[in-house]
Amino acid sequence: MRVSWPVSLTEGAVTLRPLRQRDATAWREVRARNAVWLGPWESTLPGPDSDRPASFGAMVRLLKHEARAGRNLGFAITHDDRFVGQITLGGITWGSLRGAYVGYWIDQAVAGQGIAPTAVAMVCDHAWFNLQLHRIEVNVRPENERSLRVVDKLGFRREGVRPRYLHIDGEWRDHVSFALNSDEVPGGLLARWRGSNPASL
């Protein structure tokens, strides 16, 4: 199933938009500066072979292809027009499941300002209201206290631990699974986040 792409979403100072070739310098700078901050939570591939894009340009082209195919929607996160991270609505499944997962990373320099929960809420609302998906998951390593706070702030339902669920930072790691269904948040997640945090972006 194909989806409408490109898509841009805005809430206050936060905008989600497709990653662009001209983001290369900013992306590399943020990633280099945050290598230690992001390293423990980064996905890796087991075994010697890698199917990761060979360059930033290849990554952008792959993200565009995947979005147009309706499989993964990858967004750059900007704050006041400055690149600060990425968020993905991934593993999109149609048919009788109509579900996906959300994964994200953010620049340590802007952590704690409400940007991550705002971005997650925006992506979920897009999935529910524009794509008519039903279920959204977020899977978090139990040691990742900041990401656990994001799902807690947004009221995601904890479903349990998935042992050795994803290959992260070179090893198979346990993850805590959280989810929300569209009928659990009929007014949208962004509206609920605004209501619980009036000072949010």
N, C-alpha and C. Protein backbone atom coordinates (compact mmCIF):
# COMPACT_ATOMS: atom_id res chain seq x y z
N MET A 1 0.85 -1.19 0.00
CA MET A 1 0.00 0.00 0.00
C MET A 1 0.88 1.23 0.00
N ARG A 2 0.64 2.15 -0.93
CA ARG A 2 1.43 3.36 -1.02
C ARG A 2 0.81 4.45 -0.15
N VAL A 3 1.65 5.32 0.39
CA VAL A 3 1.17 6.42 1.22
C VAL A 3 1.60 7.73 0.59
N SER A 4 0.94 8.80 1.00
CA SER A 4 1.30 10.13 0.51
C SER A 4 2.66 10.53 1.09
N TRP A 5 3.57 10.91 0.23
CA TRP A 5 4.92 11.31 0.67
C TRP A 5 5.51 12.24 -0.38
N PRO A 6 6.16 13.34 -0.01
CA PRO A 6 6.63 13.72 1.33
C PRO A 6 5.52 14.32 2.19
N VAL A 7 5.75 14.25 3.51
CA VAL A 7 4.84 14.80 4.51
C VAL A 7 5.65 15.61 5.50
N SER A 8 5.12 16.77 5.90
CA SER A 8 5.72 17.57 6.97
C SER A 8 4.67 17.82 8.04
N LEU A 9 5.09 17.73 9.30
CA LEU A 9 4.21 17.91 10.45
C LEU A 9 4.83 18.96 11.36
N THR A 10 4.01 19.88 11.86
CA THR A 10 4.55 20.95 12.71
C THR A 10 3.69 21.13 13.95
N GLU A 11 4.37 21.30 15.07
CA GLU A 11 3.72 21.65 16.35
C GLU A 11 4.65 22.62 17.07
N GLY A 12 4.25 23.89 17.12
CA GLY A 12 5.10 24.90 17.73
C GLY A 12 6.42 25.00 17.01
N ALA A 13 7.51 24.90 17.78
CA ALA A 13 8.85 25.01 17.20
C ALA A 13 9.37 23.71 16.63
N VAL A 14 8.60 22.62 16.78
CA VAL A 14 9.05 21.31 16.32
C VAL A 14 8.43 20.99 14.97
N THR A 15 9.26 20.60 14.02
CA THR A 15 8.80 20.16 12.71
C THR A 15 9.40 18.81 12.38
N LEU A 16 8.58 17.94 11.82
CA LEU A 16 9.03 16.66 11.29
C LEU A 16 8.88 16.73 9.79
N ARG A 17 9.96 16.40 9.08
CA ARG A 17 9.95 16.47 7.62
C ARG A 17 10.91 15.42 7.08
N PRO A 18 10.81 15.09 5.80
CA PRO A 18 11.77 14.13 5.25
C PRO A 18 13.21 14.62 5.37
N LEU A 19 14.10 13.70 5.61
CA LEU A 19 15.53 14.02 5.61
C LEU A 19 15.94 14.37 4.19
N ARG A 20 16.77 15.41 4.03
CA ARG A 20 17.18 15.91 2.72
C ARG A 20 18.69 15.75 2.53
N GLN A 21 19.09 15.73 1.27
CA GLN A 21 20.51 15.64 0.98
C GLN A 21 21.28 16.80 1.61
N ARG A 22 20.68 17.97 1.64
CA ARG A 22 21.39 19.13 2.19
C ARG A 22 21.46 19.12 3.72
N ASP A 23 20.87 18.11 4.36
CA ASP A 23 21.01 17.94 5.81
C ASP A 23 22.32 17.25 6.18
N ALA A 24 23.09 16.84 5.20
CA ALA A 24 24.26 15.99 5.46
C ALA A 24 25.20 16.59 6.49
N THR A 25 25.56 17.86 6.34
CA THR A 25 26.53 18.48 7.26
C THR A 25 25.99 18.52 8.68
N ALA A 26 24.75 18.98 8.83
CA ALA A 26 24.14 19.07 10.16
C ALA A 26 23.98 17.68 10.78
N TRP A 27 23.56 16.71 9.98
CA TRP A 27 23.36 15.34 10.47
C TRP A 27 24.68 14.76 10.99
N ARG A 28 25.74 14.92 10.20
CA ARG A 28 27.04 14.38 10.60
C ARG A 28 27.55 15.08 11.86
N GLU A 29 27.37 16.38 11.95
CA GLU A 29 27.83 17.13 13.13
C GLU A 29 27.11 16.66 14.38
N VAL A 30 25.78 16.52 14.31
CA VAL A 30 25.01 16.09 15.48
C VAL A 30 25.37 14.66 15.86
N ARG A 31 25.50 13.79 14.87
CA ARG A 31 25.83 12.41 15.16
C ARG A 31 27.23 12.29 15.78
N ALA A 32 28.20 13.03 15.27
CA ALA A 32 29.56 12.97 15.82
C ALA A 32 29.59 13.48 17.26
N ARG A 33 28.90 14.58 17.50
CA ARG A 33 28.89 15.18 18.83
C ARG A 33 28.15 14.31 19.85
N ASN A 34 27.25 13.46 19.38
CA ASN A 34 26.42 12.64 20.27
C ASN A 34 26.81 11.16 20.24
N ALA A 35 28.00 10.84 19.75
CA ALA A 35 28.39 9.44 19.60
C ALA A 35 28.30 8.66 20.92
N VAL A 36 28.80 9.24 22.00
CA VAL A 36 28.77 8.56 23.29
C VAL A 36 27.35 8.50 23.83
N TRP A 37 26.62 9.58 23.67
CA TRP A 37 25.23 9.69 24.15
C TRP A 37 24.32 8.66 23.46
N LEU A 38 24.50 8.46 22.17
CA LEU A 38 23.62 7.59 21.39
C LEU A 38 24.09 6.14 21.32
N GLY A 39 25.40 5.92 21.48
CA GLY A 39 25.98 4.61 21.26
C GLY A 39 25.28 3.45 21.94
N PRO A 40 24.95 3.54 23.24
CA PRO A 40 24.35 2.40 23.93
C PRO A 40 22.97 2.01 23.41
N TRP A 41 22.34 2.89 22.64
CA TRP A 41 20.97 2.63 22.19
C TRP A 41 20.87 2.44 20.68
N GLU A 42 22.00 2.39 20.01
CA GLU A 42 22.01 2.31 18.55
C GLU A 42 21.81 0.87 18.07
N SER A 43 20.94 0.71 17.06
CA SER A 43 20.76 -0.61 16.48
C SER A 43 22.02 -1.01 15.70
N THR A 44 22.31 -2.30 15.74
CA THR A 44 23.45 -2.85 15.02
C THR A 44 22.97 -4.10 14.27
N LEU A 45 23.81 -4.60 13.39
CA LEU A 45 23.46 -5.78 12.62
C LEU A 45 24.35 -6.94 13.03
N PRO A 46 23.75 -8.08 13.40
CA PRO A 46 24.58 -9.24 13.77
C PRO A 46 25.28 -9.82 12.56
N GLY A 47 26.45 -10.37 12.78
CA GLY A 47 27.17 -11.00 11.68
C GLY A 47 28.02 -10.02 10.90
N PRO A 48 28.83 -10.53 9.99
CA PRO A 48 29.78 -9.68 9.27
C PRO A 48 29.18 -8.85 8.15
N ASP A 49 28.02 -9.25 7.64
CA ASP A 49 27.43 -8.54 6.50
C ASP A 49 26.57 -7.38 6.99
N SER A 50 26.58 -6.31 6.23
CA SER A 50 25.78 -5.14 6.58
C SER A 50 24.99 -4.68 5.37
N ASP A 51 23.69 -4.41 5.58
CA ASP A 51 22.89 -3.86 4.50
C ASP A 51 22.56 -2.39 4.75
N ARG A 52 23.36 -1.76 5.62
CA ARG A 52 23.16 -0.34 5.88
C ARG A 52 23.61 0.46 4.66
N PRO A 53 22.98 1.61 4.40
CA PRO A 53 23.41 2.45 3.29
C PRO A 53 24.87 2.84 3.44
N ALA A 54 25.57 2.90 2.32
CA ALA A 54 27.00 3.17 2.34
C ALA A 54 27.32 4.64 2.56
N SER A 55 26.34 5.52 2.39
CA SER A 55 26.59 6.96 2.52
C SER A 55 25.32 7.65 2.99
N PHE A 56 25.47 8.92 3.39
CA PHE A 56 24.30 9.70 3.79
C PHE A 56 23.33 9.81 2.62
N GLY A 57 23.85 10.07 1.42
CA GLY A 57 22.99 10.19 0.25
C GLY A 57 22.21 8.91 -0.01
N ALA A 58 22.87 7.76 0.15
CA ALA A 58 22.19 6.48 -0.05
C ALA A 58 21.11 6.28 1.01
N MET A 59 21.37 6.72 2.24
CA MET A 59 20.37 6.62 3.30
C MET A 59 19.13 7.44 2.97
N VAL A 60 19.34 8.67 2.50
CA VAL A 60 18.22 9.53 2.14
C VAL A 60 17.39 8.91 1.02
N ARG A 61 18.07 8.36 0.02
CA ARG A 61 17.35 7.71 -1.09
C ARG A 61 16.56 6.50 -0.61
N LEU A 62 17.17 5.71 0.29
CA LEU A 62 16.48 4.53 0.83
C LEU A 62 15.25 4.95 1.63
N LEU A 63 15.39 5.98 2.47
CA LEU A 63 14.26 6.45 3.26
C LEU A 63 13.11 6.90 2.37
N LYS A 64 13.44 7.60 1.30
CA LYS A 64 12.42 8.06 0.36
C LYS A 64 11.70 6.88 -0.29
N HIS A 65 12.48 5.89 -0.72
CA HIS A 65 11.90 4.71 -1.36
C HIS A 65 10.98 3.95 -0.39
N GLU A 66 11.46 3.75 0.84
CA GLU A 66 10.67 3.03 1.84
C GLU A 66 9.38 3.76 2.18
N ALA A 67 9.44 5.09 2.26
CA ALA A 67 8.25 5.87 2.57
C ALA A 67 7.22 5.76 1.45
N ARG A 68 7.67 5.89 0.22
CA ARG A 68 6.74 5.81 -0.90
C ARG A 68 6.14 4.42 -1.06
N ALA A 69 6.86 3.41 -0.58
CA ALA A 69 6.35 2.04 -0.62
C ALA A 69 5.42 1.74 0.56
N GLY A 70 5.29 2.70 1.50
CA GLY A 70 4.40 2.51 2.64
C GLY A 70 4.92 1.57 3.69
N ARG A 71 6.26 1.41 3.79
CA ARG A 71 6.85 0.50 4.77
C ARG A 71 7.43 1.20 5.98
N ASN A 72 8.11 2.31 5.78
CA ASN A 72 8.74 3.06 6.86
C ASN A 72 8.71 4.54 6.51
N LEU A 73 8.30 5.37 7.46
CA LEU A 73 8.32 6.81 7.26
C LEU A 73 9.40 7.40 8.16
N GLY A 74 10.48 7.89 7.54
CA GLY A 74 11.59 8.45 8.30
C GLY A 74 11.59 9.96 8.23
N PHE A 75 11.54 10.61 9.39
CA PHE A 75 11.49 12.06 9.47
C PHE A 75 12.73 12.63 10.15
N ALA A 76 13.20 13.76 9.66
CA ALA A 76 14.13 14.59 10.42
C ALA A 76 13.32 15.35 11.47
N ILE A 77 13.88 15.52 12.65
CA ILE A 77 13.27 16.37 13.68
C ILE A 77 14.03 17.69 13.68
N THR A 78 13.32 18.79 13.50
CA THR A 78 13.96 20.10 13.62
C THR A 78 13.29 20.89 14.74
N HIS A 79 14.08 21.74 15.35
CA HIS A 79 13.58 22.63 16.41
C HIS A 79 14.05 24.04 16.07
N ASP A 80 13.09 24.93 15.89
CA ASP A 80 13.43 26.28 15.40
C ASP A 80 14.28 26.19 14.13
N ASP A 81 13.89 25.28 13.24
CA ASP A 81 14.54 25.07 11.93
C ASP A 81 15.95 24.51 12.02
N ARG A 82 16.35 24.01 13.18
CA ARG A 82 17.67 23.40 13.35
C ARG A 82 17.52 21.89 13.49
N PHE A 83 18.31 21.13 12.73
CA PHE A 83 18.25 19.67 12.79
C PHE A 83 18.67 19.18 14.17
N VAL A 84 17.80 18.36 14.83
CA VAL A 84 18.12 17.89 16.18
C VAL A 84 17.91 16.38 16.36
N GLY A 85 17.48 15.67 15.31
CA GLY A 85 17.30 14.24 15.49
C GLY A 85 16.48 13.61 14.38
N GLN A 86 16.12 12.36 14.60
CA GLN A 86 15.31 11.61 13.64
C GLN A 86 14.24 10.81 14.36
N ILE A 87 13.15 10.55 13.66
CA ILE A 87 12.09 9.69 14.18
C ILE A 87 11.54 8.88 13.02
N THR A 88 11.23 7.62 13.30
CA THR A 88 10.76 6.71 12.26
C THR A 88 9.47 6.04 12.69
N LEU A 89 8.50 6.05 11.80
CA LEU A 89 7.34 5.19 11.93
C LEU A 89 7.66 3.98 11.06
N GLY A 90 8.08 2.90 11.68
CA GLY A 90 8.65 1.79 10.94
C GLY A 90 7.84 0.51 11.05
N GLY A 91 8.23 -0.46 10.22
CA GLY A 91 7.58 -1.77 10.26
C GLY A 91 6.09 -1.68 10.00
N ILE A 92 5.68 -0.75 9.14
CA ILE A 92 4.25 -0.54 8.91
C ILE A 92 3.65 -1.80 8.30
N THR A 93 2.61 -2.29 8.95
CA THR A 93 1.91 -3.49 8.51
C THR A 93 0.46 -3.14 8.24
N TRP A 94 -0.03 -3.53 7.08
CA TRP A 94 -1.41 -3.20 6.71
C TRP A 94 -2.30 -4.40 7.03
N GLY A 95 -3.24 -4.73 6.22
CA GLY A 95 -4.11 -5.88 6.46
C GLY A 95 -4.87 -5.76 7.76
N SER A 96 -5.04 -6.87 8.45
CA SER A 96 -5.86 -6.89 9.66
C SER A 96 -5.13 -6.36 10.89
N LEU A 97 -3.81 -6.20 10.82
CA LEU A 97 -3.06 -5.66 11.96
C LEU A 97 -3.05 -4.14 11.95
N ARG A 98 -2.67 -3.54 10.85
CA ARG A 98 -2.57 -2.09 10.71
C ARG A 98 -1.80 -1.48 11.89
N GLY A 99 -0.56 -1.87 11.98
CA GLY A 99 0.28 -1.42 13.08
C GLY A 99 1.65 -0.97 12.62
N ALA A 100 2.44 -0.42 13.55
CA ALA A 100 3.79 0.05 13.28
C ALA A 100 4.49 0.27 14.61
N TYR A 101 5.79 0.55 14.52
CA TYR A 101 6.54 0.94 15.72
C TYR A 101 7.11 2.34 15.51
N VAL A 102 7.45 2.99 16.59
CA VAL A 102 8.11 4.30 16.54
C VAL A 102 9.49 4.16 17.18
N GLY A 103 10.51 4.65 16.49
CA GLY A 103 11.86 4.73 17.02
C GLY A 103 12.40 6.12 16.78
N TYR A 104 13.27 6.60 17.65
CA TYR A 104 13.73 7.98 17.53
C TYR A 104 15.07 8.15 18.25
N TRP A 105 15.78 9.20 17.87
CA TRP A 105 16.95 9.65 18.61
C TRP A 105 16.98 11.18 18.55
N ILE A 106 17.61 11.78 19.55
CA ILE A 106 17.62 13.24 19.64
C ILE A 106 18.96 13.74 20.18
N ASP A 107 19.32 14.92 19.76
CA ASP A 107 20.55 15.59 20.20
C ASP A 107 20.50 15.81 21.71
N GLN A 108 21.56 15.41 22.41
CA GLN A 108 21.62 15.60 23.86
C GLN A 108 21.47 17.06 24.24
N ALA A 109 21.90 17.96 23.36
CA ALA A 109 21.86 19.39 23.67
C ALA A 109 20.44 19.92 23.86
N VAL A 110 19.44 19.21 23.30
CA VAL A 110 18.06 19.68 23.45
C VAL A 110 17.20 18.68 24.22
N ALA A 111 17.82 17.66 24.80
CA ALA A 111 17.06 16.69 25.59
C ALA A 111 16.42 17.36 26.79
N GLY A 112 15.26 16.88 27.19
CA GLY A 112 14.56 17.42 28.34
C GLY A 112 13.72 18.64 28.06
N GLN A 113 13.60 19.02 26.79
CA GLN A 113 12.80 20.21 26.43
C GLN A 113 11.43 19.85 25.86
N GLY A 114 11.05 18.57 25.93
CA GLY A 114 9.75 18.16 25.42
C GLY A 114 9.72 17.87 23.93
N ILE A 115 10.88 17.90 23.28
CA ILE A 115 10.90 17.70 21.83
C ILE A 115 10.60 16.25 21.47
N ALA A 116 11.22 15.30 22.17
CA ALA A 116 11.00 13.89 21.85
C ALA A 116 9.54 13.47 22.04
N PRO A 117 8.91 13.75 23.21
CA PRO A 117 7.51 13.36 23.33
C PRO A 117 6.60 14.07 22.33
N THR A 118 6.91 15.31 22.01
CA THR A 118 6.12 16.02 21.01
C THR A 118 6.23 15.33 19.66
N ALA A 119 7.45 14.95 19.28
CA ALA A 119 7.66 14.27 17.99
C ALA A 119 6.95 12.93 17.96
N VAL A 120 7.04 12.16 19.04
CA VAL A 120 6.37 10.86 19.09
C VAL A 120 4.86 11.04 18.97
N ALA A 121 4.31 12.01 19.68
CA ALA A 121 2.86 12.26 19.61
C ALA A 121 2.44 12.66 18.20
N MET A 122 3.24 13.49 17.54
CA MET A 122 2.92 13.91 16.17
C MET A 122 2.90 12.73 15.21
N VAL A 123 3.91 11.85 15.32
CA VAL A 123 3.98 10.69 14.43
C VAL A 123 2.81 9.74 14.68
N CYS A 124 2.48 9.52 15.95
CA CYS A 124 1.35 8.64 16.27
C CYS A 124 0.05 9.18 15.70
N ASP A 125 -0.19 10.47 15.87
CA ASP A 125 -1.42 11.06 15.34
C ASP A 125 -1.47 10.95 13.81
N HIS A 126 -0.33 11.14 13.16
CA HIS A 126 -0.29 10.98 11.71
C HIS A 126 -0.64 9.54 11.33
N ALA A 127 -0.10 8.58 12.09
CA ALA A 127 -0.38 7.17 11.80
C ALA A 127 -1.85 6.85 11.99
N TRP A 128 -2.45 7.37 13.05
CA TRP A 128 -3.85 7.05 13.34
C TRP A 128 -4.83 7.79 12.43
N PHE A 129 -4.63 9.08 12.29
CA PHE A 129 -5.64 9.90 11.61
C PHE A 129 -5.45 9.97 10.09
N ASN A 130 -4.21 9.89 9.62
CA ASN A 130 -3.97 10.00 8.18
C ASN A 130 -3.74 8.65 7.50
N LEU A 131 -3.11 7.72 8.21
CA LEU A 131 -2.86 6.41 7.62
C LEU A 131 -3.88 5.36 8.07
N GLN A 132 -4.70 5.71 9.06
CA GLN A 132 -5.69 4.79 9.61
C GLN A 132 -5.06 3.51 10.18
N LEU A 133 -3.87 3.66 10.76
CA LEU A 133 -3.30 2.55 11.50
C LEU A 133 -4.01 2.41 12.84
N HIS A 134 -3.87 1.24 13.45
CA HIS A 134 -4.58 0.94 14.70
C HIS A 134 -3.65 0.90 15.91
N ARG A 135 -2.49 0.27 15.76
CA ARG A 135 -1.62 0.00 16.90
C ARG A 135 -0.22 0.57 16.66
N ILE A 136 0.29 1.26 17.68
CA ILE A 136 1.66 1.79 17.62
C ILE A 136 2.44 1.25 18.81
N GLU A 137 3.61 0.70 18.52
CA GLU A 137 4.50 0.21 19.57
C GLU A 137 5.73 1.10 19.73
N VAL A 138 6.25 1.15 20.95
CA VAL A 138 7.57 1.70 21.22
C VAL A 138 8.29 0.67 22.08
N ASN A 139 9.48 0.25 21.65
CA ASN A 139 10.26 -0.75 22.38
C ASN A 139 11.53 -0.09 22.90
N VAL A 140 11.74 -0.18 24.21
CA VAL A 140 12.79 0.58 24.88
C VAL A 140 13.64 -0.36 25.73
N ARG A 141 14.97 -0.21 25.65
CA ARG A 141 15.83 -0.96 26.56
C ARG A 141 15.54 -0.54 27.99
N PRO A 142 15.47 -1.50 28.94
CA PRO A 142 15.13 -1.15 30.31
C PRO A 142 16.09 -0.18 30.96
N GLU A 143 17.32 -0.10 30.43
CA GLU A 143 18.32 0.82 30.99
C GLU A 143 18.18 2.24 30.44
N ASN A 144 17.36 2.42 29.42
CA ASN A 144 17.25 3.73 28.75
C ASN A 144 16.22 4.60 29.48
N GLU A 145 16.66 5.21 30.57
CA GLU A 145 15.73 5.94 31.43
C GLU A 145 15.06 7.11 30.73
N ARG A 146 15.79 7.78 29.84
CA ARG A 146 15.19 8.93 29.16
C ARG A 146 14.06 8.51 28.23
N SER A 147 14.26 7.43 27.48
CA SER A 147 13.19 6.97 26.59
C SER A 147 12.02 6.40 27.38
N LEU A 148 12.31 5.78 28.53
CA LEU A 148 11.23 5.31 29.38
C LEU A 148 10.38 6.48 29.89
N ARG A 149 11.02 7.61 30.15
CA ARG A 149 10.26 8.80 30.57
C ARG A 149 9.37 9.32 29.45
N VAL A 150 9.85 9.21 28.20
CA VAL A 150 9.05 9.68 27.06
C VAL A 150 7.74 8.90 26.98
N VAL A 151 7.82 7.56 27.00
CA VAL A 151 6.60 6.77 26.88
C VAL A 151 5.70 6.94 28.10
N ASP A 152 6.32 7.15 29.27
CA ASP A 152 5.53 7.38 30.48
C ASP A 152 4.77 8.71 30.38
N LYS A 153 5.44 9.75 29.92
CA LYS A 153 4.78 11.05 29.78
C LYS A 153 3.60 10.98 28.82
N LEU A 154 3.72 10.15 27.80
CA LEU A 154 2.67 10.07 26.78
C LEU A 154 1.59 9.04 27.12
N GLY A 155 1.77 8.31 28.21
CA GLY A 155 0.74 7.37 28.64
C GLY A 155 0.68 6.08 27.85
N PHE A 156 1.82 5.65 27.30
CA PHE A 156 1.83 4.35 26.61
C PHE A 156 1.61 3.23 27.63
N ARG A 157 0.92 2.20 27.19
CA ARG A 157 0.62 1.04 28.01
C ARG A 157 1.78 0.06 27.97
N ARG A 158 2.30 -0.31 29.14
CA ARG A 158 3.39 -1.29 29.20
C ARG A 158 2.83 -2.69 28.96
N GLU A 159 3.46 -3.43 28.06
CA GLU A 159 2.97 -4.77 27.74
C GLU A 159 3.88 -5.89 28.22
N GLY A 160 5.10 -5.58 28.57
CA GLY A 160 5.98 -6.62 29.08
C GLY A 160 7.37 -6.55 28.49
N VAL A 161 8.22 -7.48 28.92
CA VAL A 161 9.62 -7.52 28.47
C VAL A 161 9.75 -8.53 27.33
N ARG A 162 10.49 -8.14 26.29
CA ARG A 162 10.82 -9.02 25.18
C ARG A 162 12.30 -9.39 25.30
N PRO A 163 12.60 -10.60 25.74
CA PRO A 163 14.01 -10.97 25.95
C PRO A 163 14.80 -10.99 24.63
N ARG A 164 15.98 -10.40 24.67
CA ARG A 164 16.93 -10.39 23.53
C ARG A 164 16.20 -10.03 22.25
N TYR A 165 15.45 -8.94 22.29
CA TYR A 165 14.53 -8.59 21.21
C TYR A 165 15.20 -7.95 20.01
N LEU A 166 16.13 -7.01 20.24
CA LEU A 166 16.78 -6.31 19.14
C LEU A 166 18.29 -6.30 19.33
N HIS A 167 19.00 -6.26 18.21
CA HIS A 167 20.46 -6.20 18.26
C HIS A 167 20.85 -4.73 18.40
N ILE A 168 21.35 -4.38 19.59
CA ILE A 168 21.67 -3.00 19.94
C ILE A 168 23.08 -2.94 20.49
N ASP A 169 23.86 -1.99 19.99
CA ASP A 169 25.22 -1.77 20.50
C ASP A 169 26.01 -3.08 20.53
N GLY A 170 25.83 -3.92 19.50
CA GLY A 170 26.64 -5.11 19.35
C GLY A 170 26.15 -6.38 20.01
N GLU A 171 25.01 -6.33 20.70
CA GLU A 171 24.49 -7.52 21.38
C GLU A 171 22.96 -7.57 21.25
N TRP A 172 22.40 -8.79 21.42
CA TRP A 172 20.95 -8.92 21.51
C TRP A 172 20.52 -8.42 22.88
N ARG A 173 19.60 -7.45 22.89
CA ARG A 173 19.23 -6.79 24.14
C ARG A 173 17.75 -6.96 24.45
N ASP A 174 17.45 -7.10 25.75
CA ASP A 174 16.06 -7.09 26.19
C ASP A 174 15.44 -5.71 25.95
N HIS A 175 14.16 -5.71 25.67
CA HIS A 175 13.42 -4.46 25.52
C HIS A 175 12.09 -4.56 26.27
N VAL A 176 11.65 -3.42 26.78
CA VAL A 176 10.30 -3.31 27.34
C VAL A 176 9.40 -2.80 26.23
N SER A 177 8.29 -3.48 26.03
CA SER A 177 7.37 -3.13 24.95
C SER A 177 6.21 -2.30 25.50
N PHE A 178 5.94 -1.19 24.82
CA PHE A 178 4.82 -0.31 25.14
C PHE A 178 3.96 -0.16 23.90
N ALA A 179 2.68 0.09 24.07
CA ALA A 179 1.81 0.24 22.91
C ALA A 179 0.62 1.14 23.23
N LEU A 180 0.03 1.67 22.17
CA LEU A 180 -1.25 2.38 22.25
C LEU A 180 -2.03 2.03 21.00
N ASN A 181 -3.32 1.81 21.16
CA ASN A 181 -4.23 1.62 20.05
C ASN A 181 -4.99 2.93 19.80
N SER A 182 -5.42 3.11 18.59
CA SER A 182 -6.08 4.36 18.22
C SER A 182 -7.30 4.64 19.08
N ASP A 183 -8.05 3.61 19.47
CA ASP A 183 -9.26 3.84 20.25
C ASP A 183 -8.97 4.17 21.70
N GLU A 184 -7.71 4.04 22.13
CA GLU A 184 -7.34 4.43 23.48
C GLU A 184 -7.09 5.93 23.58
N VAL A 185 -6.86 6.57 22.45
CA VAL A 185 -6.58 8.02 22.44
C VAL A 185 -7.44 8.65 21.35
N PRO A 186 -8.76 8.66 21.50
CA PRO A 186 -9.64 9.12 20.41
C PRO A 186 -9.43 10.57 20.01
N GLY A 187 -8.96 11.39 20.95
CA GLY A 187 -8.71 12.79 20.62
C GLY A 187 -7.32 13.07 20.10
N GLY A 188 -6.50 12.03 20.04
CA GLY A 188 -5.14 12.18 19.56
C GLY A 188 -4.15 12.30 20.70
N LEU A 189 -2.94 11.82 20.45
CA LEU A 189 -1.89 11.82 21.47
C LEU A 189 -1.32 13.21 21.68
N LEU A 190 -1.26 14.01 20.62
CA LEU A 190 -0.73 15.36 20.76
C LEU A 190 -1.63 16.20 21.67
N ALA A 191 -2.93 16.07 21.52
CA ALA A 191 -3.86 16.81 22.37
C ALA A 191 -3.71 16.38 23.83
N ARG A 192 -3.53 15.08 24.05
CA ARG A 192 -3.36 14.60 25.42
C ARG A 192 -2.05 15.10 26.00
N TRP A 193 -0.98 15.11 25.19
CA TRP A 193 0.32 15.61 25.64
C TRP A 193 0.23 17.10 25.97
N ARG A 194 -0.44 17.87 25.13
CA ARG A 194 -0.63 19.30 25.43
C ARG A 194 -1.37 19.49 26.74
N GLY A 195 -2.42 18.68 26.93
CA GLY A 195 -3.23 18.82 28.14
C GLY A 195 -2.50 18.48 29.40
N SER A 196 -1.59 17.49 29.32
CA SER A 196 -0.83 17.10 30.51
C SER A 196 0.38 17.96 30.73
N ASN A 197 0.77 18.70 29.70
CA ASN A 197 1.98 19.52 29.78
C ASN A 197 1.73 20.83 29.04
N PRO A 198 1.00 21.77 29.65
CA PRO A 198 0.64 23.02 28.96
C PRO A 198 1.82 23.82 28.43
N ALA A 199 3.02 23.59 29.03
CA ALA A 199 4.20 24.34 28.58
C ALA A 199 4.92 23.63 27.45
N SER A 200 4.34 22.51 26.94
CA SER A 200 5.01 21.78 25.87
C SER A 200 5.10 22.62 24.61
N LEU A 201 6.00 22.20 23.70
CA LEU A 201 6.30 22.99 22.50
C LEU A 201 5.10 23.09 21.57
